[in-house]
């Protein structure tokens, strides 16, 4: 994997949906995972080039925090190919 992955985790399904919407509207990224983790935690993971993923994660975080608690967010530029096995 030569692209970046970006993640936003919230304590709300509605907040995570808003984050996902903002992420794909803000940059050329693809949603590769959306998980309801449990205890109200929901995560969204996107894939794209490094700059696009950074922009998308920032947009998703900003949109979601209007409605929900942000638990965490991160961008992993050019993750090792072994990471593909868990996504």
Protein backbone atom coordinates (compact mmCIF):
# COMPACT_ATOMS: atom_id res chain seq x y z
CA UNK A 1 0.00 0.00 0.00
CA UNK A 2 1.57 3.28 -1.07
CA UNK A 3 -1.35 5.48 -0.13
CA UNK A 4 -2.33 6.76 3.29
CA UNK A 5 -5.07 5.62 5.62
CA UNK A 6 -6.98 7.98 7.86
CA UNK A 7 -9.28 7.22 10.74
CA UNK A 8 -11.84 9.10 12.81
CA UNK A 9 -13.44 7.48 15.84
CA UNK A 10 -16.46 8.97 17.59
CA UNK A 11 -18.81 8.10 20.41
CA UNK A 12 -21.86 8.36 18.15
CA UNK A 13 -23.18 6.69 15.01
CA UNK A 14 -24.59 10.00 13.78
CA UNK A 15 -21.25 11.74 14.36
CA UNK A 16 -19.41 9.01 12.45
CA UNK A 17 -21.83 9.26 9.52
CA UNK A 18 -21.30 13.02 9.45
CA UNK A 19 -17.53 12.48 9.56
CA UNK A 20 -17.70 9.99 6.68
CA UNK A 21 -19.78 12.40 4.59
CA UNK A 22 -17.40 15.29 5.24
CA UNK A 23 -14.35 13.16 4.50
CA UNK A 24 -15.47 12.05 1.04
CA UNK A 25 -16.72 15.53 0.16
CA UNK A 26 -13.50 17.26 1.28
CA UNK A 27 -11.00 15.19 -0.69
CA UNK A 28 -10.57 12.35 -3.14
CA UNK A 29 -10.64 9.47 -0.66
CA UNK A 30 -12.46 6.16 -0.48
CA UNK A 31 -14.16 4.76 2.63
CA UNK A 32 -12.60 1.35 3.22
CA UNK A 33 -14.03 0.56 6.65
CA UNK A 34 -16.92 1.67 8.88
CA UNK A 35 -17.17 -0.19 12.18
CA UNK A 36 -19.53 -0.03 15.10
CA UNK A 37 -16.99 -0.99 17.73
CA UNK A 38 -19.26 -1.15 20.77
CA UNK A 39 -20.09 1.00 23.80
CA UNK A 40 -21.18 3.72 21.39
CA UNK A 41 -17.84 3.87 19.58
CA UNK A 42 -17.88 4.05 15.78
CA UNK A 43 -14.87 4.35 13.48
CA UNK A 44 -14.49 5.41 9.85
CA UNK A 45 -11.37 4.60 7.82
CA UNK A 46 -10.50 6.15 4.46
CA UNK A 47 -7.81 5.54 1.86
CA UNK A 48 -6.19 7.98 -0.56
CA UNK A 49 -3.04 9.95 -1.24
CA UNK A 50 -1.38 11.47 1.81
CA UNK A 51 -2.53 15.06 1.23
CA UNK A 52 -6.10 14.04 0.48
CA UNK A 53 -6.32 11.82 3.55
CA UNK A 54 -4.95 14.57 5.81
CA UNK A 55 -7.57 17.00 4.46
CA UNK A 56 -10.33 14.43 4.74
CA UNK A 57 -9.54 13.49 8.33
CA UNK A 58 -9.44 17.13 9.40
CA UNK A 59 -12.79 17.80 7.69
CA UNK A 60 -14.33 14.68 9.21
CA UNK A 61 -13.09 15.53 12.69
CA UNK A 62 -14.42 19.08 12.48
CA UNK A 63 -17.84 18.00 11.25
CA UNK A 64 -18.25 15.15 13.73
CA UNK A 65 -17.24 17.17 16.78
CA UNK A 66 -20.31 19.38 16.27
CA UNK A 67 -22.48 16.37 17.11
CA UNK A 68 -20.35 13.88 18.99
CA UNK A 69 -17.33 13.29 21.15
CA UNK A 70 -14.21 12.61 19.09
CA UNK A 71 -12.36 9.69 20.64
CA UNK A 72 -9.39 9.72 18.29
CA UNK A 73 -8.22 10.48 14.77
CA UNK A 74 -5.03 9.73 12.88
CA UNK A 75 -3.35 9.59 9.48
CA UNK A 76 -0.89 6.83 8.65
CA UNK A 77 1.10 7.83 5.57
CA UNK A 78 2.27 4.94 3.40
CA UNK A 79 1.51 2.15 5.90
CA UNK A 80 3.49 -1.07 5.65
CA UNK A 81 1.90 -3.73 3.43
CA UNK A 82 1.32 -5.92 6.51
CA UNK A 83 -1.30 -3.41 7.64
CA UNK A 84 -3.45 -4.47 4.66
CA UNK A 85 -4.06 -7.76 6.46
CA UNK A 86 -6.04 -6.07 9.23
CA UNK A 87 -8.07 -3.73 7.05
